C-alpha atoms as a PDB file:
ATOM      1  CA  MET A   1      -9.254 -18.413  17.424  1.00  0.00           C
ATOM      2  CA  SER A   2      -8.741 -18.669  20.548  1.00  0.00           C
ATOM      3  CA  ILE A   3      -5.519 -18.764  23.089  1.00  0.00           C
ATOM      4  CA  PRO A   4      -6.792 -17.170  26.346  1.00  0.00           C
ATOM      5  CA  LYS A   5      -4.671 -14.642  28.513  1.00  0.00           C
ATOM      6  CA  ASN A   6      -6.419 -11.909  29.603  1.00  0.00           C
ATOM      7  CA  GLY A   7      -8.220 -12.058  26.154  1.00  0.00           C
ATOM      8  CA  SER A   8      -7.407 -13.854  22.863  1.00  0.00           C
ATOM      9  CA  LEU A   9      -4.071 -13.605  21.305  1.00  0.00           C
ATOM     10  CA  LEU A  10      -5.003 -11.273  18.653  1.00  0.00           C
ATOM     11  CA  ASP A  11      -6.578  -9.171  21.189  1.00  0.00           C
ATOM     12  CA  ASP A  12      -2.935  -8.932  22.578  1.00  0.00           C
ATOM     13  CA  VAL A  13      -1.550  -8.491  18.842  1.00  0.00           C
ATOM     14  CA  HIS A  14      -3.869  -5.524  18.023  1.00  0.00           C
ATOM     15  CA  GLN A  15      -3.538  -3.959  21.401  1.00  0.00           C
ATOM     16  CA  VAL A  16       0.317  -3.562  21.315  1.00  0.00           C
ATOM     17  CA  MET A  17       0.283  -2.715  17.243  1.00  0.00           C
ATOM     18  CA  ARG A  18      -2.261   0.202  18.478  1.00  0.00           C
ATOM     19  CA  LEU A  19       0.089   1.138  21.250  1.00  0.00           C
ATOM     20  CA  ASN A  20       2.937   1.572  19.124  1.00  0.00           C
ATOM     21  CA  HIS A  21       0.934   2.836  16.462  1.00  0.00           C
ATOM     22  CA  TYR A  22       1.407   0.585  13.422  1.00  0.00           C
ATOM     23  CA  SER A  23      -1.229   1.413  10.507  1.00  0.00           C
ATOM     24  CA  ILE A  24      -4.609  -0.712  10.522  1.00  0.00           C
ATOM     25  CA  HIS A  25      -2.939  -2.480   7.172  1.00  0.00           C
ATOM     26  CA  THR A  26      -0.289  -3.467   8.877  1.00  0.00           C
ATOM     27  CA  GLU A  27      -2.172  -4.857  11.836  1.00  0.00           C
ATOM     28  CA  LYS A  28      -4.497  -6.456   9.548  1.00  0.00           C
ATOM     29  CA  THR A  29      -1.886  -8.301   7.687  1.00  0.00           C
ATOM     30  CA  TYR A  30       0.468  -9.403  10.535  1.00  0.00           C
ATOM     31  CA  SER A  31      -2.882 -10.826  12.369  1.00  0.00           C
ATOM     32  CA  ASP A  32      -3.816 -13.065   9.015  1.00  0.00           C
ATOM     33  CA  TRP A  33      -0.467 -14.590   9.416  1.00  0.00           C
ATOM     34  CA  ILE A  34      -0.429 -14.973  13.180  1.00  0.00           C
ATOM     35  CA  ARG A  35      -3.895 -16.453  12.953  1.00  0.00           C
ATOM     36  CA  GLN A  36      -2.296 -19.056  10.222  1.00  0.00           C
ATOM     37  CA  TYR A  37       0.326 -20.119  12.132  1.00  0.00           C
ATOM     38  CA  VAL A  38      -1.636 -20.982  14.788  1.00  0.00           C
ATOM     39  CA  LYS A  39      -3.722 -23.018  12.441  1.00  0.00           C
ATOM     40  CA  PHE A  40      -1.233 -24.692  11.113  1.00  0.00           C
ATOM     41  CA  HIS A  41       0.246 -26.473  14.055  1.00  0.00           C
ATOM     42  CA  LYS A  42      -3.245 -26.767  15.533  1.00  0.00           C
ATOM     43  CA  MET A  43      -2.434 -25.039  18.585  1.00  0.00           C
ATOM     44  CA  THR A  44      -5.194 -24.676  20.931  1.00  0.00           C
ATOM     45  CA  ASP A  45      -3.160 -23.092  24.279  1.00  0.00           C
ATOM     46  CA  ARG A  46      -1.021 -19.929  24.631  1.00  0.00           C
ATOM     47  CA  CYS A  47       1.765 -22.014  25.876  1.00  0.00           C
ATOM     48  CA  GLU A  48       2.133 -24.613  23.105  1.00  0.00           C
ATOM     49  CA  LEU A  49       3.885 -21.381  21.466  1.00  0.00           C
ATOM     50  CA  SER A  50       6.813 -21.327  23.380  1.00  0.00           C
ATOM     51  CA  VAL A  51       7.622 -24.903  22.742  1.00  0.00           C
ATOM     52  CA  LEU A  52      10.407 -25.027  20.375  1.00  0.00           C
ATOM     53  CA  PRO A  53       9.795 -21.947  18.972  1.00  0.00           C
ATOM     54  CA  GLU A  54      12.234 -21.655  15.788  1.00  0.00           C
ATOM     55  CA  ALA A  55      11.362 -25.078  14.793  1.00  0.00           C
ATOM     56  CA  LYS A  56       7.783 -24.401  14.395  1.00  0.00           C
ATOM     57  CA  VAL A  57       8.356 -20.854  12.882  1.00  0.00           C
ATOM     58  CA  GLU A  58      10.916 -22.648  10.833  1.00  0.00           C
ATOM     59  CA  GLU A  59       8.272 -25.303   9.519  1.00  0.00           C
ATOM     60  CA  PHE A  60       6.068 -22.943   8.728  1.00  0.00           C
ATOM     61  CA  LEU A  61       7.944 -20.778   6.496  1.00  0.00           C
ATOM     62  CA  THR A  62       9.111 -24.052   4.968  1.00  0.00           C
ATOM     63  CA  TYR A  63       5.465 -24.950   4.483  1.00  0.00           C
ATOM     64  CA  LEU A  64       5.060 -21.691   2.362  1.00  0.00           C
ATOM     65  CA  ALA A  65       8.053 -22.120   0.097  1.00  0.00           C
ATOM     66  CA  ILE A  66       7.281 -25.785  -0.809  1.00  0.00           C
ATOM     67  CA  HIS A  67       3.758 -26.053  -0.718  1.00  0.00           C
ATOM     68  CA  ARG A  68       2.118 -22.620  -1.521  1.00  0.00           C
ATOM     69  CA  LYS A  69       5.010 -21.446  -3.394  1.00  0.00           C
ATOM     70  CA  VAL A  70       4.964 -17.878  -2.176  1.00  0.00           C
ATOM     71  CA  ALA A  71       7.151 -14.926  -3.557  1.00  0.00           C
ATOM     72  CA  VAL A  72      10.035 -13.819  -1.843  1.00  0.00           C
ATOM     73  CA  SER A  73       8.151 -11.084  -0.432  1.00  0.00           C
ATOM     74  CA  THR A  74       5.735 -12.786   0.946  1.00  0.00           C
ATOM     75  CA  GLN A  75       7.623 -15.041   2.818  1.00  0.00           C
ATOM     76  CA  ASN A  76       9.584 -12.381   4.238  1.00  0.00           C
ATOM     77  CA  GLN A  77       6.031 -10.732   5.359  1.00  0.00           C
ATOM     78  CA  ALA A  78       5.030 -13.724   7.173  1.00  0.00           C
ATOM     79  CA  MET A  79       8.253 -13.955   8.906  1.00  0.00           C
ATOM     80  CA  ASN A  80       8.141 -10.383  10.161  1.00  0.00           C
ATOM     81  CA  ALA A  81       4.897 -11.393  11.728  1.00  0.00           C
ATOM     82  CA  LEU A  82       6.442 -13.932  13.497  1.00  0.00           C
ATOM     83  CA  VAL A  83       9.344 -12.128  14.676  1.00  0.00           C
ATOM     84  CA  PHE A  84       6.529  -9.159  15.866  1.00  0.00           C
ATOM     85  CA  LEU A  85       4.428 -11.995  18.051  1.00  0.00           C
ATOM     86  CA  TYR A  86       7.113 -13.482  19.868  1.00  0.00           C
ATOM     87  CA  LYS A  87       9.473 -10.279  20.445  1.00  0.00           C
ATOM     88  CA  ARG A  88       6.759  -7.653  21.262  1.00  0.00           C
ATOM     89  CA  VAL A  89       3.645  -9.578  21.954  1.00  0.00           C
ATOM     90  CA  LEU A  90       4.540 -12.570  23.826  1.00  0.00           C
ATOM     91  CA  ASP A  91       8.076 -11.303  25.161  1.00  0.00           C
ATOM     92  CA  LYS A  92      10.362 -14.522  23.836  1.00  0.00           C
ATOM     93  CA  PRO A  93      12.332 -13.130  20.922  1.00  0.00           C
ATOM     94  CA  LEU A  94      13.225 -15.855  18.719  1.00  0.00           C
ATOM     95  CA  GLU A  95      16.948 -16.837  19.819  1.00  0.00           C
ATOM     96  CA  LYS A  96      18.173 -19.220  17.102  1.00  0.00           C
ATOM     97  CA  THR A  97      18.959 -19.348  13.569  1.00  0.00           C
ATOM     98  CA  VAL A  98      15.439 -19.952  11.504  1.00  0.00           C
ATOM     99  CA  ASP A  99      16.614 -22.006   8.622  1.00  0.00           C
ATOM    100  CA  ALA A 100      13.345 -21.989   6.871  1.00  0.00           C
ATOM    101  CA  ILE A 101      13.753 -23.128   2.622  1.00  0.00           C
ATOM    102  CA  ARG A 102      13.698 -20.150   1.229  1.00  0.00           C
ATOM    103  CA  SER A 103      11.284 -19.261  -1.839  1.00  0.00           C
ATOM    104  CA  THR A 104      12.746 -18.939  -4.951  1.00  0.00           C
ATOM    105  CA  LYS A 105       9.591 -17.839  -7.065  1.00  0.00           C
ATOM    106  CA  ASN A 106      11.164 -15.222  -9.335  1.00  0.00           C
ATOM    107  CA  ARG A 107      10.150 -11.845  -9.212  1.00  0.00           C
ATOM    108  CA  GLN A 108       7.655 -10.707 -12.285  1.00  0.00           C
ATOM    109  CA  ILE A 109       8.409  -8.240 -15.101  1.00  0.00           C
ATOM    110  CA  PRO A 110       5.759  -5.935 -14.115  1.00  0.00           C
ATOM    111  CA  VAL A 111       2.767  -4.976 -16.373  1.00  0.00           C
ATOM    112  CA  VAL A 112       3.438  -1.849 -17.762  1.00  0.00           C
ATOM    113  CA  LEU A 113       0.420   0.241 -20.340  1.00  0.00           C
ATOM    114  CA  THR A 114       1.360   2.380 -23.360  1.00  0.00           C
ATOM    115  CA  GLN A 115       0.872   6.043 -22.947  1.00  0.00           C
ATOM    116  CA  ASP A 116      -2.345   5.586 -25.006  1.00  0.00           C
ATOM    117  CA  GLU A 117      -3.522   2.821 -22.761  1.00  0.00           C
ATOM    118  CA  VAL A 118      -3.158   5.055 -19.876  1.00  0.00           C
ATOM    119  CA  LYS A 119      -4.966   8.147 -21.668  1.00  0.00           C
ATOM    120  CA  GLN A 120      -7.705   5.719 -22.677  1.00  0.00           C
ATOM    121  CA  ILE A 121      -8.148   4.442 -19.412  1.00  0.00           C
ATOM    122  CA  ILE A 122      -8.138   7.325 -17.274  1.00  0.00           C
ATOM    123  CA  THR A 123     -10.717   8.941 -20.190  1.00  0.00           C
ATOM    124  CA  LEU A 124     -13.313   6.053 -19.390  1.00  0.00           C
ATOM    125  CA  LEU A 125     -12.931   6.874 -15.633  1.00  0.00           C
ATOM    126  CA  GLU A 126     -15.599   9.689 -13.868  1.00  0.00           C
ATOM    127  CA  GLY A 127     -15.168  11.495 -10.619  1.00  0.00           C
ATOM    128  CA  VAL A 128     -12.640  10.391  -7.833  1.00  0.00           C
ATOM    129  CA  PRO A 129     -11.740   7.226  -9.454  1.00  0.00           C
ATOM    130  CA  GLN A 130     -10.278   9.201 -12.125  1.00  0.00           C
ATOM    131  CA  LEU A 131      -8.409  11.666  -9.895  1.00  0.00           C
ATOM    132  CA  VAL A 132      -6.728   9.565  -7.560  1.00  0.00           C
ATOM    133  CA  VAL A 133      -5.731   7.434 -10.965  1.00  0.00           C
ATOM    134  CA  LYS A 134      -4.084  10.354 -12.271  1.00  0.00           C
ATOM    135  CA  LEU A 135      -2.152  10.803  -9.242  1.00  0.00           C
ATOM    136  CA  LEU A 136      -0.870   7.365  -9.264  1.00  0.00           C
ATOM    137  CA  TYR A 137       0.119   7.601 -13.312  1.00  0.00           C
ATOM    138  CA  GLY A 138       1.218  11.308 -12.729  1.00  0.00           C
ATOM    139  CA  SER A 139       2.939  11.057  -9.250  1.00  0.00           C
ATOM    140  CA  GLY A 140       3.759   7.343  -9.276  1.00  0.00           C
ATOM    141  CA  LEU A 141       1.729   6.668  -5.757  1.00  0.00           C
ATOM    142  CA  ARG A 142       0.768   3.326  -4.593  1.00  0.00           C
ATOM    143  CA  ILE A 143      -2.712   3.383  -4.304  1.00  0.00           C
ATOM    144  CA  THR A 144      -2.647   3.326  -0.539  1.00  0.00           C
ATOM    145  CA  GLU A 145      -0.675   6.231  -0.478  1.00  0.00           C
ATOM    146  CA  GLY A 146      -3.477   7.781  -3.155  1.00  0.00           C
ATOM    147  CA  VAL A 147      -6.409   7.327  -0.827  1.00  0.00           C
ATOM    148  CA  ARG A 148      -4.475   8.492   2.508  1.00  0.00           C
ATOM    149  CA  LEU A 149      -3.288  11.744   1.003  1.00  0.00           C
ATOM    150  CA  ARG A 150      -3.961  14.554   3.441  1.00  0.00           C
ATOM    151  CA  VAL A 151      -5.093  17.984   2.084  1.00  0.00           C
ATOM    152  CA  HIS A 152      -1.729  19.922   3.544  1.00  0.00           C
ATOM    153  CA  ASP A 153       0.396  17.324   1.751  1.00  0.00           C
ATOM    154  CA  ILE A 154      -0.323  18.492  -1.366  1.00  0.00           C
ATOM    155  CA  ASP A 155       1.602  21.586  -2.410  1.00  0.00           C
ATOM    156  CA  PHE A 156       0.191  23.376  -5.303  1.00  0.00           C
ATOM    157  CA  GLU A 157       2.748  26.005  -5.288  1.00  0.00           C
ATOM    158  CA  TYR A 158       5.842  24.262  -5.616  1.00  0.00           C
ATOM    159  CA  LYS A 159       4.058  21.178  -7.730  1.00  0.00           C
ATOM    160  CA  GLN A 160       4.934  18.063  -5.324  1.00  0.00           C
ATOM    161  CA  ILE A 161       3.067  15.786  -3.380  1.00  0.00           C
ATOM    162  CA  THR A 162       4.725  14.646   0.027  1.00  0.00           C
ATOM    163  CA  VAL A 163       3.780  11.196   0.892  1.00  0.00           C
ATOM    164  CA  ARG A 164       3.544  10.357   4.737  1.00  0.00           C
ATOM    165  CA  SER A 165       4.623   7.303   6.276  1.00  0.00           C
ATOM    166  CA  GLY A 166       5.056   5.179   3.011  1.00  0.00           C
ATOM    167  CA  LYS A 167       6.129   1.754   2.980  1.00  0.00           C
ATOM    168  CA  GLY A 168       8.818   1.259   5.279  1.00  0.00           C
ATOM    169  CA  ASN A 169       7.661   4.358   7.060  1.00  0.00           C
ATOM    170  CA  LYS A 170       9.389   6.725   5.049  1.00  0.00           C
ATOM    171  CA  ASP A 171       8.762  10.188   4.218  1.00  0.00           C
ATOM    172  CA  ARG A 172       9.116  11.413   0.602  1.00  0.00           C
ATOM    173  CA  VAL A 173       8.262  13.840  -1.698  1.00  0.00           C
ATOM    174  CA  THR A 174       7.784  13.007  -5.018  1.00  0.00           C
ATOM    175  CA  THR A 175       6.220  15.183  -8.307  1.00  0.00           C
ATOM    176  CA  PHE A 176       2.491  16.729  -8.939  1.00  0.00           C
ATOM    177  CA  SER A 177       0.785  17.276 -12.393  1.00  0.00           C
ATOM    178  CA  GLU A 178       0.495  20.914 -13.068  1.00  0.00           C
ATOM    179  CA  GLY A 179      -2.869  19.825 -15.493  1.00  0.00           C
ATOM    180  CA  LEU A 180      -3.868  18.193 -13.153  1.00  0.00           C
ATOM    181  CA  MET A 181      -4.393  21.320 -10.731  1.00  0.00           C
ATOM    182  CA  PRO A 182      -7.707  22.928 -11.835  1.00  0.00           C
ATOM    183  CA  SER A 183      -9.961  19.443 -11.243  1.00  0.00           C
ATOM    184  CA  LEU A 184      -8.400  18.756  -7.900  1.00  0.00           C
ATOM    185  CA  LYS A 185      -8.748  22.117  -6.459  1.00  0.00           C
ATOM    186  CA  ASP A 186     -12.501  21.861  -7.257  1.00  0.00           C
ATOM    187  CA  HIS A 187     -12.704  18.473  -6.082  1.00  0.00           C
ATOM    188  CA  LEU A 188     -11.573  20.066  -2.341  1.00  0.00           C
ATOM    189  CA  GLN A 189     -13.298  22.621  -2.728  1.00  0.00           C
ATOM    190  CA  ARG A 190     -16.468  19.998  -2.407  1.00  0.00           C
ATOM    191  CA  VAL A 191     -14.755  18.067   0.219  1.00  0.00           C
ATOM    192  CA  ARG A 192     -14.096  21.296   2.407  1.00  0.00           C
ATOM    193  CA  LEU A 193     -17.954  21.841   2.560  1.00  0.00           C
ATOM    194  CA  ILE A 194     -18.427  18.648   3.368  1.00  0.00           C
ATOM    195  CA  HIS A 195     -15.890  18.591   6.320  1.00  0.00           C
ATOM    196  CA  GLU A 196     -17.536  22.103   7.056  1.00  0.00           C
ATOM    197  CA  GLN A 197     -21.227  20.502   7.467  1.00  0.00           C
ATOM    198  CA  ASP A 198     -19.521  17.503   9.628  1.00  0.00           C
ATOM    199  CA  LEU A 199     -18.151  19.656  11.850  1.00  0.00           C
ATOM    200  CA  GLN A 200     -21.798  21.332  12.196  1.00  0.00           C
ATOM    201  CA  GLU A 201     -23.220  18.344  13.111  1.00  0.00           C
ATOM    202  CA  GLY A 202     -20.447  17.760  15.958  1.00  0.00           C
ATOM    203  CA  TYR A 203     -18.575  15.485  13.453  1.00  0.00           C
ATOM    204  CA  GLY A 204     -15.268  16.172  11.528  1.00  0.00           C
ATOM    205  CA  VAL A 205     -12.688  14.261  13.664  1.00  0.00           C
ATOM    206  CA  VAL A 206      -9.938  12.539  11.348  1.00  0.00           C
ATOM    207  CA  TYR A 207      -8.093   9.889  12.319  1.00  0.00           C
ATOM    208  CA  LEU A 208      -3.985  11.508  13.276  1.00  0.00           C
ATOM    209  CA  PRO A 209      -1.078   8.889  13.443  1.00  0.00           C
ATOM    210  CA  ASN A 210       1.243   8.378  15.743  1.00  0.00           C
ATOM    211  CA  ALA A 211      -0.605   9.665  18.885  1.00  0.00           C
ATOM    212  CA  LEU A 212      -0.646  13.441  16.950  1.00  0.00           C
ATOM    213  CA  SER A 213      -3.542  14.013  18.374  1.00  0.00           C
ATOM    214  CA  LYS A 214      -2.794  13.857  22.100  1.00  0.00           C
ATOM    215  CA  LYS A 215       0.549  16.319  21.222  1.00  0.00           C
ATOM    216  CA  TYR A 216      -2.080  18.785  18.857  1.00  0.00           C
ATOM    217  CA  PRO A 217      -5.805  18.459  20.801  1.00  0.00           C
ATOM    218  CA  ASN A 218      -7.181  20.683  17.610  1.00  0.00           C
ATOM    219  CA  ALA A 219      -5.411  19.289  14.815  1.00  0.00           C
ATOM    220  CA  SER A 220      -7.422  16.124  13.903  1.00  0.00           C
ATOM    221  CA  LYS A 221     -10.537  18.865  13.104  1.00  0.00           C
ATOM    222  CA  GLU A 222      -8.278  21.477  11.082  1.00  0.00           C
ATOM    223  CA  TRP A 223      -8.637  21.314   7.012  1.00  0.00           C
ATOM    224  CA  GLY A 224      -5.486  20.757   6.376  1.00  0.00           C
ATOM    225  CA  TRP A 225      -5.353  17.342   8.291  1.00  0.00           C
ATOM    226  CA  GLN A 226      -8.185  16.175   6.594  1.00  0.00           C
ATOM    227  CA  TYR A 227      -8.314  13.229   3.809  1.00  0.00           C
ATOM    228  CA  ALA A 228      -7.939  14.630   0.176  1.00  0.00           C
ATOM    229  CA  PHE A 229     -10.324  11.638  -0.793  1.00  0.00           C
ATOM    230  CA  PRO A 230     -12.822  11.260   1.670  1.00  0.00           C
ATOM    231  CA  ALA A 231     -15.270   8.793   2.438  1.00  0.00           C
ATOM    232  CA  ARG A 232     -19.325   9.223   1.082  1.00  0.00           C
ATOM    233  CA  SER A 233     -20.363   8.523   4.889  1.00  0.00           C
ATOM    234  CA  LEU A 234     -19.261   8.859   8.177  1.00  0.00           C
ATOM    235  CA  SER A 235     -18.627   5.525  10.361  1.00  0.00           C
ATOM    236  CA  THR A 236     -17.661   4.397  13.449  1.00  0.00           C
ATOM    237  CA  ASP A 237     -13.304   3.767  13.768  1.00  0.00           C
ATOM    238  CA  PRO A 238     -13.093   0.196  14.575  1.00  0.00           C
ATOM    239  CA  ARG A 239      -9.693   1.482  16.633  1.00  0.00           C
ATOM    240  CA  SER A 240     -11.380   3.993  18.838  1.00  0.00           C
ATOM    241  CA  GLU A 241     -13.844   3.589  21.571  1.00  0.00           C
ATOM    242  CA  GLY A 242     -17.180   4.107  19.062  1.00  0.00           C
ATOM    243  CA  THR A 243     -15.432   7.527  17.520  1.00  0.00           C
ATOM    244  CA  ILE A 244     -17.863   8.409  14.776  1.00  0.00           C
ATOM    245  CA  ARG A 245     -15.437   9.861  11.570  1.00  0.00           C
ATOM    246  CA  ARG A 246     -15.013  10.302   7.799  1.00  0.00           C
ATOM    247  CA  HIS A 247     -12.192   7.459   6.640  1.00  0.00           C
ATOM    248  CA  HIS A 248     -10.874   7.874   3.705  1.00  0.00           C
ATOM    249  CA  ILE A 249     -12.726   6.094   0.851  1.00  0.00           C
ATOM    250  CA  ASP A 250     -11.635   2.308   0.286  1.00  0.00           C
ATOM    251  CA  GLN A 251      -9.004   1.561  -2.255  1.00  0.00           C
ATOM    252  CA  SER A 252     -11.088  -1.037  -4.216  1.00  0.00           C
ATOM    253  CA  LEU A 253     -13.539   1.475  -5.341  1.00  0.00           C
ATOM    254  CA  ILE A 254     -10.674   2.663  -7.332  1.00  0.00           C
ATOM    255  CA  ASN A 255      -9.668  -1.036  -8.505  1.00  0.00           C
ATOM    256  CA  LYS A 256     -13.191  -1.621  -9.631  1.00  0.00           C
ATOM    257  CA  ALA A 257     -13.478   1.148 -11.607  1.00  0.00           C
ATOM    258  CA  ILE A 258     -10.519   0.591 -13.364  1.00  0.00           C
ATOM    259  CA  LYS A 259     -11.555  -3.011 -14.087  1.00  0.00           C
ATOM    260  CA  VAL A 260     -14.584  -1.885 -15.541  1.00  0.00           C
ATOM    261  CA  ALA A 261     -12.905   0.670 -18.099  1.00  0.00           C
ATOM    262  CA  VAL A 262      -9.818  -1.930 -18.894  1.00  0.00           C
ATOM    263  CA  LYS A 263     -13.161  -4.436 -19.846  1.00  0.00           C
ATOM    264  CA  LYS A 264     -14.644  -2.006 -21.568  1.00  0.00           C
ATOM    265  CA  LEU A 265     -11.347  -0.969 -23.936  1.00  0.00           C
ATOM    266  CA  GLY A 266     -11.040  -5.000 -24.511  1.00  0.00           C
ATOM    267  CA  ILE A 267      -7.191  -4.628 -22.943  1.00  0.00           C
ATOM    268  CA  VAL A 268      -5.900  -7.907 -22.182  1.00  0.00           C
ATOM    269  CA  LYS A 269      -3.448  -7.288 -20.243  1.00  0.00           C
ATOM    270  CA  LYS A 270      -3.534  -7.353 -16.169  1.00  0.00           C
ATOM    271  CA  VAL A 271      -4.025  -4.179 -14.630  1.00  0.00           C
ATOM    272  CA  SER A 272      -4.527  -2.567 -11.476  1.00  0.00           C
ATOM    273  CA  ALA A 273      -3.812   0.193  -9.693  1.00  0.00           C
ATOM    274  CA  HIS A 274      -0.455  -0.462  -8.922  1.00  0.00           C
ATOM    275  CA  THR A 275       0.198  -0.490 -13.131  1.00  0.00           C
ATOM    276  CA  PHE A 276      -0.138   3.261 -12.790  1.00  0.00           C
ATOM    277  CA  ARG A 277       2.979   3.481 -10.797  1.00  0.00           C
ATOM    278  CA  HIS A 278       4.967   0.591 -12.729  1.00  0.00           C
ATOM    279  CA  SER A 279       3.712   3.006 -16.219  1.00  0.00           C
ATOM    280  CA  PHE A 280       5.080   6.125 -14.337  1.00  0.00           C
ATOM    281  CA  ALA A 281       8.772   4.735 -14.024  1.00  0.00           C
ATOM    282  CA  THR A 282       8.861   2.964 -17.612  1.00  0.00           C
ATOM    283  CA  HIS A 283       7.804   6.483 -19.026  1.00  0.00           C
ATOM    284  CA  LEU A 284      10.065   8.511 -17.167  1.00  0.00           C
ATOM    285  CA  LEU A 285      13.061   5.940 -18.507  1.00  0.00           C
ATOM    286  CA  GLN A 286      11.866   6.471 -21.244  1.00  0.00           C
ATOM    287  CA  ARG A 287      11.947  10.134 -21.159  1.00  0.00           C
ATOM    288  CA  GLY A 288      15.348  10.056 -20.018  1.00  0.00           C
ATOM    289  CA  THR A 289      14.769  10.933 -16.653  1.00  0.00           C
ATOM    290  CA  ASP A 290      17.896   9.247 -14.728  1.00  0.00           C
ATOM    291  CA  ILE A 291      17.340   6.107 -12.975  1.00  0.00           C
ATOM    292  CA  ARG A 292      18.334   7.199  -9.291  1.00  0.00           C
ATOM    293  CA  THR A 293      15.943  10.274  -9.475  1.00  0.00           C
ATOM    294  CA  ILE A 294      12.970   7.614 -10.329  1.00  0.00           C
ATOM    295  CA  GLN A 295      14.268   5.713  -7.297  1.00  0.00           C
ATOM    296  CA  ALA A 296      13.819   8.527  -5.124  1.00  0.00           C
ATOM    297  CA  LEU A 297      10.362   9.695  -6.097  1.00  0.00           C
ATOM    298  CA  LEU A 298       9.118   5.868  -6.187  1.00  0.00           C
ATOM    299  CA  GLY A 299      10.618   5.493  -2.677  1.00  0.00           C
ATOM    300  CA  HIS A 300      12.713   2.554  -3.347  1.00  0.00           C
ATOM    301  CA  ASN A 301      15.403   1.970  -0.783  1.00  0.00           C
ATOM    302  CA  ASP A 302      17.569  -0.447  -3.438  1.00  0.00           C
ATOM    303  CA  LEU A 303      18.605   0.552  -6.695  1.00  0.00           C
ATOM    304  CA  GLU A 304      18.140  -2.678  -7.669  1.00  0.00           C
ATOM    305  CA  THR A 305      14.028  -2.673  -7.214  1.00  0.00           C
ATOM    306  CA  THR A 306      14.078   0.290  -9.580  1.00  0.00           C
ATOM    307  CA  MET A 307      16.261  -1.098 -12.196  1.00  0.00           C
ATOM    308  CA  ILE A 308      13.405  -3.699 -13.065  1.00  0.00           C
ATOM    309  CA  TYR A 309      12.013  -1.013 -15.257  1.00  0.00           C
ATOM    310  CA  THR A 310      15.141  -0.674 -17.343  1.00  0.00           C
ATOM    311  CA  HIS A 311      14.085  -4.151 -18.943  1.00  0.00           C
ATOM    312  CA  ILE A 312      10.587  -3.277 -19.745  1.00  0.00           C
ATOM    313  CA  LEU A 313      12.750  -0.594 -22.192  1.00  0.00           C
ATOM    314  CA  LYS A 314      14.647  -3.282 -24.017  1.00  0.00           C
ATOM    315  CA  GLN A 315      13.279  -4.069 -27.538  1.00  0.00           C
ATOM    316  CA  GLY A 316      12.346  -8.015 -27.951  1.00  0.00           C
ATOM    317  CA  GLY A 317      13.745 -10.294 -25.582  1.00  0.00           C
ATOM    318  CA  GLU A 318      17.287  -9.549 -24.232  1.00  0.00           C
ATOM    319  CA  GLY A 319      17.165  -6.599 -26.362  1.00  0.00           C
ATOM    320  CA  VAL A 320      17.613  -9.119 -29.060  1.00  0.00           C
ATOM    321  CA  THR A 321      15.889  -8.063 -32.680  1.00  0.00           C
ATOM    322  CA  SER A 322      14.288 -11.036 -34.023  1.00  0.00           C
ATOM    323  CA  PRO A 323      16.258 -12.700 -37.791  1.00  0.00           C
ATOM    324  CA  LEU A 324      12.707 -13.002 -39.195  1.00  0.00           C
ATOM    325  CA  ASP A 325      12.675  -8.613 -39.428  1.00  0.00           C
ATOM    326  CA  ASP A 326      15.578  -9.334 -41.298  1.00  0.00           C
ATOM    327  CA  LEU A 327      13.548 -10.830 -43.748  1.00  0.00           C
ATOM    328  CA  ASN A 328      11.033  -8.023 -44.542  1.00  0.00           C
ATOM    329  CA  ILE A 329       8.570 -10.578 -45.060  1.00  0.00           C
END
């Protein structure tokens, strides 16, 4: 897509997002929605974006709801990307109300594993995938939070993990399994050796968020700032001018390992890394943990979001026992 200014529209999007310290995940997501929006309206010139913008946005969002039948959260994500485009990139905020048809796709009850299924899957996993999955289930982390974990965010003494800039750019503290400590400490010892080797070879500089590298020039080489689960090899940082560094592992490696284990076990549930977060919350509820405590551990803004796990605990549809069970046959 090329809508020229000094560069392409997407070049401007990338530049603004990096100046404002958006995550690379958000950058890719917003860029993709903006690309789809331009393609949908068949726009070839930047000026076309400013012609009846609210009507264009409304038509695109309605298309997503009616023809692509996207979930409410997906439609909201697209809207956020377009609001960002007009307000922050084009400097022409949407002024009129965007009255698009809203998505009505119901939120599905999340897939949850039994404790035995969790145990079987974790037992089949090895190495880093096993450690990451144990953190997802043991601490209720999202997969992105797990792979981006920094060394100094793991507190062995207080048995807690600090999640930095989670969903909604919020920090939170969650629990940490005591049983995971020995294997994670062994893992971090190996990671430290890799970091020291990188430093000796002139590398070892990790990416720091929110311009911290300018505020703390030496922090990027410090052990505490390194990723707990670094990639196997060095690579060029796409958001820098050719800087070579060791990024964190790709989350796809974890999901692939989970998929293989689930297939071997013959589990028919649709299992992904996020399933272990759902299982964490559900199993805490089964143990009698207060719902607001679980809300805090998961980092949910709204208690209603956490309440969905209470539906899973009901025995049978809406908690009703089937009359067939009364017949004892």
